[in-house]
């Protein structure tokens, strides 16, 4: 597949070192969310199943939403910048889902 940016570089900032970043703020935000949600899950000393949220008729715990956001941001990062129209649509759907989930847990991500 052809990528929008052929020479993506890996920069050595703390949260983008494993991302396919090209100084695109959209992409940097996805990498930032991915990095900090991983760190939050690794280091949170709280019970991540306490808070529950309804999403598309399903009850999800904070931990399940964190895992889903990590999964979505991984997918977005791996497929960002492709020219395939089907893939662009899929990335856009994943991005919208990620923001919907982020809005649900936003207030409880402070521990």
C-alpha atoms as a PDB file:
ATOM      1  CA  UNK A   1       0.000   0.000   0.000  1.00  0.00           C
ATOM      2  CA  UNK A   2       1.050   3.544  -0.616  1.00  0.00           C
ATOM      3  CA  UNK A   3       1.355   5.697   2.475  1.00  0.00           C
ATOM      4  CA  UNK A   4       0.777   9.422   2.632  1.00  0.00           C
ATOM      5  CA  UNK A   5       4.213   9.937   4.143  1.00  0.00           C
ATOM      6  CA  UNK A   6       6.806   7.636   2.659  1.00  0.00           C
ATOM      7  CA  UNK A   7       9.604   8.388   5.086  1.00  0.00           C
ATOM      8  CA  UNK A   8       7.993   8.146   8.471  1.00  0.00           C
ATOM      9  CA  UNK A   9      10.515   8.619  11.230  1.00  0.00           C
ATOM     10  CA  UNK A  10      10.572   7.243  14.716  1.00  0.00           C
ATOM     11  CA  UNK A  11      11.251  10.090  17.121  1.00  0.00           C
ATOM     12  CA  UNK A  12      12.580   9.593  20.597  1.00  0.00           C
ATOM     13  CA  UNK A  13       9.986  11.424  22.651  1.00  0.00           C
ATOM     14  CA  UNK A  14       8.629   9.450  25.568  1.00  0.00           C
ATOM     15  CA  UNK A  15       5.247   8.685  24.061  1.00  0.00           C
ATOM     16  CA  UNK A  16       5.933   8.536  20.321  1.00  0.00           C
ATOM     17  CA  UNK A  17       8.976   6.293  20.224  1.00  0.00           C
ATOM     18  CA  UNK A  18       6.916   3.321  19.024  1.00  0.00           C
ATOM     19  CA  UNK A  19       4.516   5.300  16.815  1.00  0.00           C
ATOM     20  CA  UNK A  20       4.520   5.868  13.097  1.00  0.00           C
ATOM     21  CA  UNK A  21       4.655   9.603  13.520  1.00  0.00           C
ATOM     22  CA  UNK A  22       5.342  12.247  10.913  1.00  0.00           C
ATOM     23  CA  UNK A  23       4.775  15.446  12.918  1.00  0.00           C
ATOM     24  CA  UNK A  24       1.063  15.249  12.229  1.00  0.00           C
ATOM     25  CA  UNK A  25      -0.757  16.534  15.315  1.00  0.00           C
ATOM     26  CA  UNK A  26      -3.646  14.109  14.674  1.00  0.00           C
ATOM     27  CA  UNK A  27      -1.240  11.186  14.732  1.00  0.00           C
ATOM     28  CA  UNK A  28       0.665  12.553  17.715  1.00  0.00           C
ATOM     29  CA  UNK A  29      -2.575  12.705  19.708  1.00  0.00           C
ATOM     30  CA  UNK A  30      -3.359   9.061  18.925  1.00  0.00           C
ATOM     31  CA  UNK A  31       0.145   8.066  20.041  1.00  0.00           C
ATOM     32  CA  UNK A  32      -0.133  10.175  23.190  1.00  0.00           C
ATOM     33  CA  UNK A  33      -3.458   8.580  24.148  1.00  0.00           C
ATOM     34  CA  UNK A  34      -2.079   5.107  23.454  1.00  0.00           C
ATOM     35  CA  UNK A  35       1.051   5.701  25.537  1.00  0.00           C
ATOM     36  CA  UNK A  36      -0.682   7.256  28.545  1.00  0.00           C
ATOM     37  CA  UNK A  37      -3.553   4.781  28.660  1.00  0.00           C
ATOM     38  CA  UNK A  38      -1.001   1.948  28.704  1.00  0.00           C
ATOM     39  CA  UNK A  39       0.909   3.698  31.502  1.00  0.00           C
ATOM     40  CA  UNK A  40      -2.293   4.388  33.428  1.00  0.00           C
ATOM     41  CA  UNK A  41      -3.294   0.726  33.255  1.00  0.00           C
ATOM     42  CA  UNK A  42       0.192  -0.459  34.254  1.00  0.00           C
ATOM     43  CA  UNK A  43       0.514   1.929  37.191  1.00  0.00           C
ATOM     44  CA  UNK A  44      -3.009   2.556  38.444  1.00  0.00           C
ATOM     45  CA  UNK A  45      -3.304   1.331  41.978  1.00  0.00           C
ATOM     46  CA  UNK A  46      -7.069   1.286  41.885  1.00  0.00           C
ATOM     47  CA  UNK A  47      -9.722  -1.242  41.047  1.00  0.00           C
ATOM     48  CA  UNK A  48     -10.399  -0.568  37.360  1.00  0.00           C
ATOM     49  CA  UNK A  49     -13.624  -2.528  37.368  1.00  0.00           C
ATOM     50  CA  UNK A  50     -15.340  -0.197  39.854  1.00  0.00           C
ATOM     51  CA  UNK A  51     -16.580   2.382  37.339  1.00  0.00           C
ATOM     52  CA  UNK A  52     -19.063   1.089  34.776  1.00  0.00           C
ATOM     53  CA  UNK A  53     -20.358   2.763  31.632  1.00  0.00           C
ATOM     54  CA  UNK A  54     -23.013   2.010  29.073  1.00  0.00           C
ATOM     55  CA  UNK A  55     -21.802   1.916  25.483  1.00  0.00           C
ATOM     56  CA  UNK A  56     -23.987   0.751  22.607  1.00  0.00           C
ATOM     57  CA  UNK A  57     -26.295  -1.150  24.947  1.00  0.00           C
ATOM     58  CA  UNK A  58     -23.422  -2.926  26.729  1.00  0.00           C
ATOM     59  CA  UNK A  59     -22.049  -2.265  30.223  1.00  0.00           C
ATOM     60  CA  UNK A  60     -18.272  -1.884  30.199  1.00  0.00           C
ATOM     61  CA  UNK A  61     -15.820  -1.390  33.049  1.00  0.00           C
ATOM     62  CA  UNK A  62     -13.164   1.295  33.042  1.00  0.00           C
ATOM     63  CA  UNK A  63     -10.559  -1.400  32.384  1.00  0.00           C
ATOM     64  CA  UNK A  64     -12.476  -2.743  29.388  1.00  0.00           C
ATOM     65  CA  UNK A  65     -12.716   0.740  27.932  1.00  0.00           C
ATOM     66  CA  UNK A  66      -9.015   1.384  28.525  1.00  0.00           C
ATOM     67  CA  UNK A  67      -8.189  -1.887  26.754  1.00  0.00           C
ATOM     68  CA  UNK A  68     -10.491  -0.995  23.865  1.00  0.00           C
ATOM     69  CA  UNK A  69      -8.952   2.475  23.512  1.00  0.00           C
ATOM     70  CA  UNK A  70      -5.469   0.936  23.441  1.00  0.00           C
ATOM     71  CA  UNK A  71      -6.612  -1.561  20.790  1.00  0.00           C
ATOM     72  CA  UNK A  72      -8.230   1.178  18.694  1.00  0.00           C
ATOM     73  CA  UNK A  73      -5.244   3.525  18.886  1.00  0.00           C
ATOM     74  CA  UNK A  74      -2.921   0.652  17.917  1.00  0.00           C
ATOM     75  CA  UNK A  75      -5.069   0.024  14.841  1.00  0.00           C
ATOM     76  CA  UNK A  76      -5.249   3.726  13.951  1.00  0.00           C
ATOM     77  CA  UNK A  77      -1.473   4.141  14.304  1.00  0.00           C
ATOM     78  CA  UNK A  78      -0.715   1.097  12.162  1.00  0.00           C
ATOM     79  CA  UNK A  79      -3.071   2.186   9.385  1.00  0.00           C
ATOM     80  CA  UNK A  80      -2.833   5.964   9.510  1.00  0.00           C
ATOM     81  CA  UNK A  81      -2.015   7.753   6.269  1.00  0.00           C
ATOM     82  CA  UNK A  82      -3.004   5.031   3.840  1.00  0.00           C
ATOM     83  CA  UNK A  83      -4.604   5.944   0.524  1.00  0.00           C
ATOM     84  CA  UNK A  84      -6.897   2.910   0.333  1.00  0.00           C
ATOM     85  CA  UNK A  85     -10.416   4.373   0.581  1.00  0.00           C
ATOM     86  CA  UNK A  86     -11.803   1.379   2.475  1.00  0.00           C
ATOM     87  CA  UNK A  87      -8.972   1.603   4.995  1.00  0.00           C
ATOM     88  CA  UNK A  88      -9.433   5.360   5.359  1.00  0.00           C
ATOM     89  CA  UNK A  89     -13.110   4.774   6.184  1.00  0.00           C
ATOM     90  CA  UNK A  90     -12.215   2.041   8.702  1.00  0.00           C
ATOM     91  CA  UNK A  91      -9.613   4.265  10.413  1.00  0.00           C
ATOM     92  CA  UNK A  92     -12.182   7.075  10.625  1.00  0.00           C
ATOM     93  CA  UNK A  93     -14.715   4.707  12.224  1.00  0.00           C
ATOM     94  CA  UNK A  94     -12.109   3.502  14.735  1.00  0.00           C
ATOM     95  CA  UNK A  95     -11.153   7.104  15.541  1.00  0.00           C
ATOM     96  CA  UNK A  96     -14.774   8.047  16.194  1.00  0.00           C
ATOM     97  CA  UNK A  97     -15.248   5.000  18.413  1.00  0.00           C
ATOM     98  CA  UNK A  98     -12.061   5.835  20.322  1.00  0.00           C
ATOM     99  CA  UNK A  99     -13.293   9.387  21.026  1.00  0.00           C
ATOM    100  CA  UNK A 100     -16.737   8.106  22.068  1.00  0.00           C
ATOM    101  CA  UNK A 101     -15.088   5.770  24.586  1.00  0.00           C
ATOM    102  CA  UNK A 102     -12.671   8.462  25.736  1.00  0.00           C
ATOM    103  CA  UNK A 103     -15.614  10.750  26.509  1.00  0.00           C
ATOM    104  CA  UNK A 104     -17.106   8.066  28.749  1.00  0.00           C
ATOM    105  CA  UNK A 105     -14.030   7.558  30.956  1.00  0.00           C
ATOM    106  CA  UNK A 106     -12.630  11.086  30.801  1.00  0.00           C
ATOM    107  CA  UNK A 107     -13.692  12.038  34.320  1.00  0.00           C
ATOM    108  CA  UNK A 108     -12.321   8.876  35.917  1.00  0.00           C
ATOM    109  CA  UNK A 109      -8.817   8.876  34.448  1.00  0.00           C
ATOM    110  CA  UNK A 110      -7.224  10.868  37.246  1.00  0.00           C
ATOM    111  CA  UNK A 111      -6.089   8.230  39.713  1.00  0.00           C
END
